[in-house]
Amino acid sequence: MQTRDVAELLLLSVLWGAAYLFMRAAVPAFGPGPLIALRMAIAALVLLPLLTWRGGIGQLSAHPVALLVLALPFTALPFLMLGFAAQHLTAGLLSVLNATAPLFAALLAHFVYRERLGRWRSAGLVIGFGGVALLTAGSVSFKSTDGLLAVGGVLLTSALWSVGANFTRKRLGGMDNLALTVGSLALASLAVAPLAAATWPAEPPPLRAWMEMAFLGVGSSGLGFLLYYRLLRRIGTVRAMSVTFLNPVVALVAGALYLGEVLTWQTLTGAAVVLMGTALSLGLWPRRP
């Protein structure tokens, strides 16, 4: 990779790693519905002028049913579950649990598409989910029903995103990535809008919460998606996916600095085990000769 590619990859890890931080910080003021609806609407509006300039508006009506399916169960629902979980889990725990998406993708490939995983990738699944157990065992998240639901919601989000990736490749593979992003985010924001209106906070959110929400829309979703698709074209899928391992690092460190979240040895060890299992399940390590 060139120096510019490394710099963009690091910037993407900051934008996406900080998303867990600012979601955790802003969700108490907005609530999950309003925060997610605003975040997705802002991201779609930020990217819409670029899509128009590139002449891709017509693609939004090319696959209306498939795009709607992508927007509802694979975009709106997962983000809402993350918003709920952010009320009960730390930003670091959110990011590490969400980094299990490749583990669910490997399970899907094996049981649905009959792809042989092999010894190392199978070991990665066991290690990765063992890391999840280590990360959450005995933690405060298991002392309440909401905490259990939050952990389950993040893991279900990871599972839905792995299914959504396969759905996108099969049903929307020929669609421009920018049009795909704008269309799915716009439809998802419209779907969440009634919930957002019904649950709008009685107390106006403070300026800080608005700034955090704006970062989620403009930075994490808008600029983040643009950087990610740019890196996919320049450095390929495997190298671009290395952001999966950088996001939790950013979220753990930033959560400690910005929100005062405590970094325990259990959290750090569990995160390391989850990421090692993810690397194995993706076939990124050990390198084949």
C-alpha atoms as a PDB file:
ATOM      1  CA  MET A   1       0.000   0.000   0.000  1.00  0.00           C
ATOM      2  CA  GLN A   2       1.098   3.551  -0.690  1.00  0.00           C
ATOM      3  CA  THR A   3       1.445   6.111   2.087  1.00  0.00           C
ATOM      4  CA  ARG A   4      -1.848   7.717   1.034  1.00  0.00           C
ATOM      5  CA  ASP A   5      -3.664   4.373   1.345  1.00  0.00           C
ATOM      6  CA  VAL A   6      -2.307   3.808   4.845  1.00  0.00           C
ATOM      7  CA  ALA A   7      -3.322   7.335   5.864  1.00  0.00           C
ATOM      8  CA  GLU A   8      -6.861   6.847   4.512  1.00  0.00           C
ATOM      9  CA  LEU A   9      -7.163   3.468   6.246  1.00  0.00           C
ATOM     10  CA  LEU A  10      -6.142   5.036   9.554  1.00  0.00           C
ATOM     11  CA  LEU A  11      -8.591   7.914   9.012  1.00  0.00           C
ATOM     12  CA  LEU A  12     -11.382   5.408   8.296  1.00  0.00           C
ATOM     13  CA  SER A  13     -10.586   3.518  11.498  1.00  0.00           C
ATOM     14  CA  VAL A  14     -10.883   6.792  13.433  1.00  0.00           C
ATOM     15  CA  LEU A  15     -14.212   7.677  11.784  1.00  0.00           C
ATOM     16  CA  TRP A  16     -15.729   4.239  12.335  1.00  0.00           C
ATOM     17  CA  GLY A  17     -14.131   3.569  15.709  1.00  0.00           C
ATOM     18  CA  ALA A  18     -15.346   6.926  16.989  1.00  0.00           C
ATOM     19  CA  ALA A  19     -18.878   6.092  15.813  1.00  0.00           C
ATOM     20  CA  TYR A  20     -19.313   3.764  18.794  1.00  0.00           C
ATOM     21  CA  LEU A  21     -18.000   6.481  21.079  1.00  0.00           C
ATOM     22  CA  PHE A  22     -20.328   9.226  19.861  1.00  0.00           C
ATOM     23  CA  MET A  23     -23.313   6.893  19.631  1.00  0.00           C
ATOM     24  CA  ARG A  24     -22.736   5.953  23.257  1.00  0.00           C
ATOM     25  CA  ALA A  25     -22.380   9.636  24.180  1.00  0.00           C
ATOM     26  CA  ALA A  26     -25.365  11.009  22.216  1.00  0.00           C
ATOM     27  CA  VAL A  27     -27.983   8.284  22.594  1.00  0.00           C
ATOM     28  CA  PRO A  28     -29.041   9.283  26.153  1.00  0.00           C
ATOM     29  CA  ALA A  29     -30.011  12.763  24.879  1.00  0.00           C
ATOM     30  CA  PHE A  30     -31.794  11.660  21.686  1.00  0.00           C
ATOM     31  CA  GLY A  31     -32.895   8.070  22.216  1.00  0.00           C
ATOM     32  CA  PRO A  32     -32.169   5.318  19.653  1.00  0.00           C
ATOM     33  CA  GLY A  33     -34.935   6.185  17.153  1.00  0.00           C
ATOM     34  CA  PRO A  34     -34.245   9.907  16.694  1.00  0.00           C
ATOM     35  CA  LEU A  35     -30.463   9.449  16.737  1.00  0.00           C
ATOM     36  CA  ILE A  36     -30.447   6.722  14.076  1.00  0.00           C
ATOM     37  CA  ALA A  37     -33.008   8.451  11.852  1.00  0.00           C
ATOM     38  CA  LEU A  38     -31.019  11.702  11.908  1.00  0.00           C
ATOM     39  CA  ARG A  39     -27.689   9.944  11.393  1.00  0.00           C
ATOM     40  CA  MET A  40     -28.845   8.069   8.294  1.00  0.00           C
ATOM     41  CA  ALA A  41     -30.710  11.049   6.851  1.00  0.00           C
ATOM     42  CA  ILE A  42     -27.669  13.315   7.208  1.00  0.00           C
ATOM     43  CA  ALA A  43     -25.378  10.727   5.613  1.00  0.00           C
ATOM     44  CA  ALA A  44     -27.736  10.284   2.655  1.00  0.00           C
ATOM     45  CA  LEU A  45     -28.013  14.062   2.169  1.00  0.00           C
ATOM     46  CA  VAL A  46     -24.218  14.467   2.343  1.00  0.00           C
ATOM     47  CA  LEU A  47     -23.671  11.839  -0.360  1.00  0.00           C
ATOM     48  CA  LEU A  48     -26.625  12.789  -2.590  1.00  0.00           C
ATOM     49  CA  PRO A  49     -24.897  15.748  -4.359  1.00  0.00           C
ATOM     50  CA  LEU A  50     -21.930  13.523  -5.244  1.00  0.00           C
ATOM     51  CA  LEU A  51     -24.263  10.834  -6.595  1.00  0.00           C
ATOM     52  CA  THR A  52     -26.083  13.470  -8.651  1.00  0.00           C
ATOM     53  CA  TRP A  53     -22.794  14.848 -10.005  1.00  0.00           C
ATOM     54  CA  ARG A  54     -21.765  11.332 -11.038  1.00  0.00           C
ATOM     55  CA  GLY A  55     -25.084  10.796 -12.837  1.00  0.00           C
ATOM     56  CA  GLY A  56     -26.127   7.865 -10.659  1.00  0.00           C
ATOM     57  CA  ILE A  57     -29.581   9.027  -9.532  1.00  0.00           C
ATOM     58  CA  GLY A  58     -31.276   6.750 -12.073  1.00  0.00           C
ATOM     59  CA  GLN A  59     -29.831   3.686 -10.386  1.00  0.00           C
ATOM     60  CA  LEU A  60     -31.944   4.296  -7.289  1.00  0.00           C
ATOM     61  CA  SER A  61     -35.028   3.039  -9.148  1.00  0.00           C
ATOM     62  CA  ALA A  62     -33.324   0.100 -10.853  1.00  0.00           C
ATOM     63  CA  HIS A  63     -33.898  -2.449  -8.056  1.00  0.00           C
ATOM     64  CA  PRO A  64     -36.583  -0.957  -5.777  1.00  0.00           C
ATOM     65  CA  VAL A  65     -37.642  -4.174  -3.984  1.00  0.00           C
ATOM     66  CA  ALA A  66     -34.109  -5.414  -3.318  1.00  0.00           C
ATOM     67  CA  LEU A  67     -33.036  -1.951  -2.159  1.00  0.00           C
ATOM     68  CA  LEU A  68     -35.987  -1.812   0.235  1.00  0.00           C
ATOM     69  CA  VAL A  69     -35.049  -5.215   1.668  1.00  0.00           C
ATOM     70  CA  LEU A  70     -31.478  -4.013   2.178  1.00  0.00           C
ATOM     71  CA  ALA A  71     -32.708  -0.813   3.841  1.00  0.00           C
ATOM     72  CA  LEU A  72     -35.095  -2.380   6.363  1.00  0.00           C
ATOM     73  CA  PRO A  73     -33.780  -5.643   7.910  1.00  0.00           C
ATOM     74  CA  PHE A  74     -30.133  -5.073   6.998  1.00  0.00           C
ATOM     75  CA  THR A  75     -29.720  -1.327   7.655  1.00  0.00           C
ATOM     76  CA  ALA A  76     -32.472   0.241   9.780  1.00  0.00           C
ATOM     77  CA  LEU A  77     -32.950  -2.680  12.181  1.00  0.00           C
ATOM     78  CA  PRO A  78     -29.235  -3.274  12.919  1.00  0.00           C
ATOM     79  CA  PHE A  79     -28.576   0.414  13.538  1.00  0.00           C
ATOM     80  CA  LEU A  80     -31.581   0.622  15.853  1.00  0.00           C
ATOM     81  CA  MET A  81     -30.289  -2.358  17.826  1.00  0.00           C
ATOM     82  CA  LEU A  82     -26.880  -0.698  18.098  1.00  0.00           C
ATOM     83  CA  GLY A  83     -28.587   2.459  19.317  1.00  0.00           C
ATOM     84  CA  PHE A  84     -30.433   0.476  21.992  1.00  0.00           C
ATOM     85  CA  ALA A  85     -27.273  -1.373  23.011  1.00  0.00           C
ATOM     86  CA  ALA A  86     -25.338   1.897  23.290  1.00  0.00           C
ATOM     87  CA  GLN A  87     -27.572   2.831  26.218  1.00  0.00           C
ATOM     88  CA  HIS A  88     -26.303  -0.155  28.235  1.00  0.00           C
ATOM     89  CA  LEU A  89     -22.806  -1.069  27.003  1.00  0.00           C
ATOM     90  CA  THR A  90     -19.532   0.825  26.801  1.00  0.00           C
ATOM     91  CA  ALA A  91     -18.252   2.075  23.458  1.00  0.00           C
ATOM     92  CA  GLY A  92     -15.335  -0.372  23.626  1.00  0.00           C
ATOM     93  CA  LEU A  93     -17.577  -3.361  24.292  1.00  0.00           C
ATOM     94  CA  LEU A  94     -19.915  -2.285  21.487  1.00  0.00           C
ATOM     95  CA  SER A  95     -17.059  -2.133  18.995  1.00  0.00           C
ATOM     96  CA  VAL A  96     -15.521  -5.479  19.933  1.00  0.00           C
ATOM     97  CA  LEU A  97     -18.848  -7.318  19.881  1.00  0.00           C
ATOM     98  CA  ASN A  98     -19.651  -5.747  16.516  1.00  0.00           C
ATOM     99  CA  ALA A  99     -16.277  -6.908  15.175  1.00  0.00           C
ATOM    100  CA  THR A 100     -17.675 -10.466  15.248  1.00  0.00           C
ATOM    101  CA  ALA A 101     -19.446  -9.881  11.905  1.00  0.00           C
ATOM    102  CA  PRO A 102     -16.790 -11.880   9.980  1.00  0.00           C
ATOM    103  CA  LEU A 103     -17.365 -14.808  12.361  1.00  0.00           C
ATOM    104  CA  PHE A 104     -21.044 -14.899  11.449  1.00  0.00           C
ATOM    105  CA  ALA A 105     -20.120 -14.530   7.777  1.00  0.00           C
ATOM    106  CA  ALA A 106     -17.930 -17.636   8.068  1.00  0.00           C
ATOM    107  CA  LEU A 107     -20.762 -19.579   9.731  1.00  0.00           C
ATOM    108  CA  LEU A 108     -23.133 -18.501   6.973  1.00  0.00           C
ATOM    109  CA  ALA A 109     -20.651 -19.545   4.292  1.00  0.00           C
ATOM    110  CA  HIS A 110     -20.246 -22.972   5.875  1.00  0.00           C
ATOM    111  CA  PHE A 111     -23.829 -23.904   6.743  1.00  0.00           C
ATOM    112  CA  VAL A 112     -25.744 -22.146   3.958  1.00  0.00           C
ATOM    113  CA  TYR A 113     -23.313 -22.063   1.048  1.00  0.00           C
ATOM    114  CA  ARG A 114     -21.488 -25.285   1.993  1.00  0.00           C
ATOM    115  CA  GLU A 115     -18.084 -23.639   1.918  1.00  0.00           C
ATOM    116  CA  ARG A 116     -15.389 -25.707   3.600  1.00  0.00           C
ATOM    117  CA  LEU A 117     -13.800 -23.682   6.369  1.00  0.00           C
ATOM    118  CA  GLY A 118     -10.709 -25.746   7.055  1.00  0.00           C
ATOM    119  CA  ARG A 119      -8.858 -26.270  10.312  1.00  0.00           C
ATOM    120  CA  TRP A 120      -7.614 -22.725  10.932  1.00  0.00           C
ATOM    121  CA  ARG A 121     -10.866 -20.927  10.080  1.00  0.00           C
ATOM    122  CA  SER A 122     -12.863 -23.386  12.220  1.00  0.00           C
ATOM    123  CA  ALA A 123     -10.471 -22.740  15.094  1.00  0.00           C
ATOM    124  CA  GLY A 124     -10.995 -19.021  14.540  1.00  0.00           C
ATOM    125  CA  LEU A 125     -14.743 -19.398  15.078  1.00  0.00           C
ATOM    126  CA  VAL A 126     -14.235 -21.226  18.358  1.00  0.00           C
ATOM    127  CA  ILE A 127     -11.617 -18.733  19.553  1.00  0.00           C
ATOM    128  CA  GLY A 128     -13.645 -15.703  18.443  1.00  0.00           C
ATOM    129  CA  PHE A 129     -16.843 -16.690  20.212  1.00  0.00           C
ATOM    130  CA  GLY A 130     -14.789 -17.830  23.193  1.00  0.00           C
ATOM    131  CA  GLY A 131     -13.447 -14.293  23.312  1.00  0.00           C
ATOM    132  CA  VAL A 132     -17.021 -12.946  23.354  1.00  0.00           C
ATOM    133  CA  ALA A 133     -17.771 -15.161  26.357  1.00  0.00           C
ATOM    134  CA  LEU A 134     -14.592 -13.988  28.093  1.00  0.00           C
ATOM    135  CA  LEU A 135     -15.346 -10.361  27.291  1.00  0.00           C
ATOM    136  CA  THR A 136     -18.835 -10.409  28.774  1.00  0.00           C
ATOM    137  CA  ALA A 137     -18.609 -13.054  31.532  1.00  0.00           C
ATOM    138  CA  GLY A 138     -19.195 -11.536  34.933  1.00  0.00           C
ATOM    139  CA  SER A 139     -19.434  -8.009  33.557  1.00  0.00           C
ATOM    140  CA  VAL A 140     -22.062  -5.484  34.572  1.00  0.00           C
ATOM    141  CA  SER A 141     -23.871  -6.071  31.277  1.00  0.00           C
ATOM    142  CA  PHE A 142     -25.065  -9.442  32.568  1.00  0.00           C
ATOM    143  CA  LYS A 143     -26.610  -8.074  35.752  1.00  0.00           C
ATOM    144  CA  SER A 144     -29.763  -6.808  34.077  1.00  0.00           C
ATOM    145  CA  THR A 145     -32.200  -7.934  31.408  1.00  0.00           C
ATOM    146  CA  ASP A 146     -31.429  -4.822  29.346  1.00  0.00           C
ATOM    147  CA  GLY A 147     -27.723  -5.651  29.444  1.00  0.00           C
ATOM    148  CA  LEU A 148     -28.370  -9.170  28.174  1.00  0.00           C
ATOM    149  CA  LEU A 149     -30.623  -7.813  25.431  1.00  0.00           C
ATOM    150  CA  ALA A 150     -27.950  -5.265  24.504  1.00  0.00           C
ATOM    151  CA  VAL A 151     -25.261  -7.940  24.095  1.00  0.00           C
ATOM    152  CA  GLY A 152     -27.657 -10.120  22.106  1.00  0.00           C
ATOM    153  CA  GLY A 153     -28.666  -7.143  19.979  1.00  0.00           C
ATOM    154  CA  VAL A 154     -25.080  -6.332  18.974  1.00  0.00           C
ATOM    155  CA  LEU A 155     -24.381  -9.967  18.099  1.00  0.00           C
ATOM    156  CA  LEU A 156     -27.626 -10.129  16.099  1.00  0.00           C
ATOM    157  CA  THR A 157     -26.553  -6.925  14.328  1.00  0.00           C
ATOM    158  CA  SER A 158     -23.297  -8.610  13.311  1.00  0.00           C
ATOM    159  CA  ALA A 159     -25.229 -11.640  12.062  1.00  0.00           C
ATOM    160  CA  LEU A 160     -27.658  -9.485  10.060  1.00  0.00           C
ATOM    161  CA  TRP A 161     -24.817  -7.544   8.449  1.00  0.00           C
ATOM    162  CA  SER A 162     -23.144 -10.788   7.350  1.00  0.00           C
ATOM    163  CA  VAL A 163     -26.430 -11.959   5.773  1.00  0.00           C
ATOM    164  CA  GLY A 164     -26.933  -8.503   4.270  1.00  0.00           C
ATOM    165  CA  ALA A 165     -23.500  -8.604   2.636  1.00  0.00           C
ATOM    166  CA  ASN A 166     -24.387 -11.853   0.870  1.00  0.00           C
ATOM    167  CA  PHE A 167     -27.794 -10.468  -0.129  1.00  0.00           C
ATOM    168  CA  THR A 168     -26.164  -7.349  -1.544  1.00  0.00           C
ATOM    169  CA  ARG A 169     -23.655  -9.341  -3.609  1.00  0.00           C
ATOM    170  CA  LYS A 170     -26.367 -11.577  -5.042  1.00  0.00           C
ATOM    171  CA  ARG A 171     -29.187  -9.099  -5.639  1.00  0.00           C
ATOM    172  CA  LEU A 172     -27.456  -5.716  -5.925  1.00  0.00           C
ATOM    173  CA  GLY A 173     -23.979  -6.635  -7.125  1.00  0.00           C
ATOM    174  CA  GLY A 174     -24.285  -4.587 -10.307  1.00  0.00           C
ATOM    175  CA  MET A 175     -25.404  -1.406  -8.574  1.00  0.00           C
ATOM    176  CA  ASP A 176     -22.998   1.483  -8.054  1.00  0.00           C
ATOM    177  CA  ASN A 177     -21.694   1.488  -4.472  1.00  0.00           C
ATOM    178  CA  LEU A 178     -22.495   5.156  -3.938  1.00  0.00           C
ATOM    179  CA  ALA A 179     -26.079   4.729  -5.215  1.00  0.00           C
ATOM    180  CA  LEU A 180     -26.423   1.645  -3.030  1.00  0.00           C
ATOM    181  CA  THR A 181     -25.308   3.578   0.036  1.00  0.00           C
ATOM    182  CA  VAL A 182     -27.487   6.639  -0.611  1.00  0.00           C
ATOM    183  CA  GLY A 183     -30.551   4.548  -1.441  1.00  0.00           C
ATOM    184  CA  SER A 184     -30.310   2.209   1.536  1.00  0.00           C
ATOM    185  CA  LEU A 185     -29.590   5.001   4.027  1.00  0.00           C
ATOM    186  CA  ALA A 186     -32.371   7.244   2.687  1.00  0.00           C
ATOM    187  CA  LEU A 187     -34.971   4.462   2.781  1.00  0.00           C
ATOM    188  CA  ALA A 188     -33.809   3.348   6.224  1.00  0.00           C
ATOM    189  CA  SER A 189     -34.093   6.883   7.602  1.00  0.00           C
ATOM    190  CA  LEU A 190     -37.635   7.180   6.217  1.00  0.00           C
ATOM    191  CA  ALA A 191     -38.552   3.853   7.799  1.00  0.00           C
ATOM    192  CA  VAL A 192     -37.245   4.944  11.210  1.00  0.00           C
ATOM    193  CA  ALA A 193     -38.761   8.448  10.966  1.00  0.00           C
ATOM    194  CA  PRO A 194     -42.166   7.509  12.539  1.00  0.00           C
ATOM    195  CA  LEU A 195     -40.392   5.922  15.525  1.00  0.00           C
ATOM    196  CA  ALA A 196     -38.155   8.973  15.792  1.00  0.00           C
ATOM    197  CA  ALA A 197     -41.162  11.304  15.819  1.00  0.00           C
ATOM    198  CA  ALA A 198     -42.984   9.196  18.408  1.00  0.00           C
ATOM    199  CA  THR A 199     -39.981   9.017  20.743  1.00  0.00           C
ATOM    200  CA  TRP A 200     -38.539  12.504  20.253  1.00  0.00           C
ATOM    201  CA  PRO A 201     -37.067  13.625  23.606  1.00  0.00           C
ATOM    202  CA  ALA A 202     -39.140  15.958  25.750  1.00  0.00           C
ATOM    203  CA  GLU A 203     -36.002  17.856  26.759  1.00  0.00           C
ATOM    204  CA  PRO A 204     -34.124  19.446  23.826  1.00  0.00           C
ATOM    205  CA  PRO A 205     -30.753  17.702  23.319  1.00  0.00           C
ATOM    206  CA  PRO A 206     -27.770  19.889  24.273  1.00  0.00           C
ATOM    207  CA  LEU A 207     -25.415  21.356  21.684  1.00  0.00           C
ATOM    208  CA  ARG A 208     -22.760  18.738  22.461  1.00  0.00           C
ATOM    209  CA  ALA A 209     -25.176  15.909  21.633  1.00  0.00           C
ATOM    210  CA  TRP A 210     -26.100  17.623  18.338  1.00  0.00           C
ATOM    211  CA  MET A 211     -22.418  17.894  17.440  1.00  0.00           C
ATOM    212  CA  GLU A 212     -21.879  14.217  18.253  1.00  0.00           C
ATOM    213  CA  MET A 213     -24.888  13.248  16.142  1.00  0.00           C
ATOM    214  CA  ALA A 214     -23.650  15.418  13.262  1.00  0.00           C
ATOM    215  CA  PHE A 215     -20.283  13.660  13.377  1.00  0.00           C
ATOM    216  CA  LEU A 216     -22.063  10.303  13.123  1.00  0.00           C
ATOM    217  CA  GLY A 217     -23.932  11.418  10.010  1.00  0.00           C
ATOM    218  CA  VAL A 218     -21.277  13.438   8.194  1.00  0.00           C
ATOM    219  CA  GLY A 219     -18.092  11.702   9.356  1.00  0.00           C
ATOM    220  CA  SER A 220     -18.792   8.098  10.265  1.00  0.00           C
ATOM    221  CA  SER A 221     -21.515   7.368   7.699  1.00  0.00           C
ATOM    222  CA  GLY A 222     -20.992   9.959   4.935  1.00  0.00           C
ATOM    223  CA  LEU A 223     -17.223  10.362   4.646  1.00  0.00           C
ATOM    224  CA  GLY A 224     -16.630   6.895   6.107  1.00  0.00           C
ATOM    225  CA  PHE A 225     -18.492   5.097   3.324  1.00  0.00           C
ATOM    226  CA  LEU A 226     -16.749   7.175   0.671  1.00  0.00           C
ATOM    227  CA  LEU A 227     -13.324   6.278   2.089  1.00  0.00           C
ATOM    228  CA  TYR A 228     -14.227   2.609   2.443  1.00  0.00           C
ATOM    229  CA  TYR A 229     -15.365   2.214  -1.179  1.00  0.00           C
ATOM    230  CA  ARG A 230     -12.345   4.168  -2.382  1.00  0.00           C
ATOM    231  CA  LEU A 231     -10.041   1.799  -0.464  1.00  0.00           C
ATOM    232  CA  LEU A 232     -11.874  -1.237  -1.809  1.00  0.00           C
ATOM    233  CA  ARG A 233     -11.038  -0.110  -5.344  1.00  0.00           C
ATOM    234  CA  ARG A 234      -7.434   0.862  -4.572  1.00  0.00           C
ATOM    235  CA  ILE A 235      -6.141  -1.821  -2.188  1.00  0.00           C
ATOM    236  CA  GLY A 236      -8.652  -4.669  -2.441  1.00  0.00           C
ATOM    237  CA  THR A 237     -11.122  -6.316  -0.088  1.00  0.00           C
ATOM    238  CA  VAL A 238      -8.755  -8.114   2.301  1.00  0.00           C
ATOM    239  CA  ARG A 239      -6.585  -5.083   3.038  1.00  0.00           C
ATOM    240  CA  ALA A 240      -9.605  -2.800   3.360  1.00  0.00           C
ATOM    241  CA  MET A 241     -11.147  -5.258   5.837  1.00  0.00           C
ATOM    242  CA  SER A 242      -8.207  -4.691   8.167  1.00  0.00           C
ATOM    243  CA  VAL A 243     -10.211  -1.705   9.442  1.00  0.00           C
ATOM    244  CA  THR A 244     -12.204  -4.335  11.373  1.00  0.00           C
ATOM    245  CA  PHE A 245      -9.208  -4.741  13.679  1.00  0.00           C
ATOM    246  CA  LEU A 246      -8.469  -1.025  14.034  1.00  0.00           C
ATOM    247  CA  ASN A 247     -12.003   0.096  14.978  1.00  0.00           C
ATOM    248  CA  PRO A 248     -12.055  -1.531  18.449  1.00  0.00           C
ATOM    249  CA  VAL A 249      -8.634  -0.062  19.268  1.00  0.00           C
ATOM    250  CA  VAL A 250      -9.909   3.427  18.497  1.00  0.00           C
ATOM    251  CA  ALA A 251     -13.169   2.857  20.387  1.00  0.00           C
ATOM    252  CA  LEU A 252     -11.469   1.397  23.475  1.00  0.00           C
ATOM    253  CA  VAL A 253      -8.885   4.182  23.747  1.00  0.00           C
ATOM    254  CA  ALA A 254     -11.290   7.003  22.842  1.00  0.00           C
ATOM    255  CA  GLY A 255     -13.933   5.642  25.211  1.00  0.00           C
ATOM    256  CA  ALA A 256     -11.419   5.798  28.053  1.00  0.00           C
ATOM    257  CA  LEU A 257     -10.293   9.339  27.166  1.00  0.00           C
ATOM    258  CA  TYR A 258     -13.611  10.922  26.134  1.00  0.00           C
ATOM    259  CA  LEU A 259     -16.115   9.120  28.367  1.00  0.00           C
ATOM    260  CA  GLY A 260     -13.878   7.920  31.172  1.00  0.00           C
ATOM    261  CA  GLU A 261     -14.662   4.260  30.484  1.00  0.00           C
ATOM    262  CA  VAL A 262     -12.513   1.857  32.494  1.00  0.00           C
ATOM    263  CA  LEU A 263     -10.157  -0.419  30.570  1.00  0.00           C
ATOM    264  CA  THR A 264      -9.889  -3.673  32.513  1.00  0.00           C
ATOM    265  CA  TRP A 265      -7.607  -6.618  31.788  1.00  0.00           C
ATOM    266  CA  GLN A 266     -10.736  -8.665  31.072  1.00  0.00           C
ATOM    267  CA  THR A 267     -11.804  -6.182  28.396  1.00  0.00           C
ATOM    268  CA  LEU A 268      -8.368  -5.997  26.769  1.00  0.00           C
ATOM    269  CA  THR A 269      -7.817  -9.773  26.852  1.00  0.00           C
ATOM    270  CA  GLY A 270     -11.293 -10.523  25.554  1.00  0.00           C
ATOM    271  CA  ALA A 271     -10.873  -7.992  22.743  1.00  0.00           C
ATOM    272  CA  ALA A 272      -7.540  -9.529  21.732  1.00  0.00           C
ATOM    273  CA  VAL A 273      -9.049 -13.036  21.666  1.00  0.00           C
ATOM    274  CA  VAL A 274     -12.054 -11.913  19.590  1.00  0.00           C
ATOM    275  CA  LEU A 275      -9.820 -10.161  17.048  1.00  0.00           C
ATOM    276  CA  MET A 276      -7.451 -13.132  16.814  1.00  0.00           C
ATOM    277  CA  GLY A 277     -10.405 -15.425  16.154  1.00  0.00           C
ATOM    278  CA  THR A 278     -11.712 -13.000  13.531  1.00  0.00           C
ATOM    279  CA  ALA A 279      -8.339 -12.946  11.762  1.00  0.00           C
ATOM    280  CA  LEU A 280      -8.289 -16.744  11.686  1.00  0.00           C
ATOM    281  CA  SER A 281     -11.881 -17.007  10.426  1.00  0.00           C
ATOM    282  CA  LEU A 282     -11.123 -14.552   7.612  1.00  0.00           C
ATOM    283  CA  GLY A 283      -8.076 -16.544   6.559  1.00  0.00           C
ATOM    284  CA  LEU A 284      -5.831 -13.530   7.170  1.00  0.00           C
ATOM    285  CA  TRP A 285      -3.583 -15.532   9.480  1.00  0.00           C
ATOM    286  CA  PRO A 286      -1.577 -17.714   9.376  1.00  0.00           C
ATOM    287  CA  ARG A 287      -0.298 -16.774   5.947  1.00  0.00           C
ATOM    288  CA  ARG A 288      -0.185 -19.569   3.416  1.00  0.00           C
ATOM    289  CA  PRO A 289       3.213 -20.048   1.730  1.00  0.00           C
END
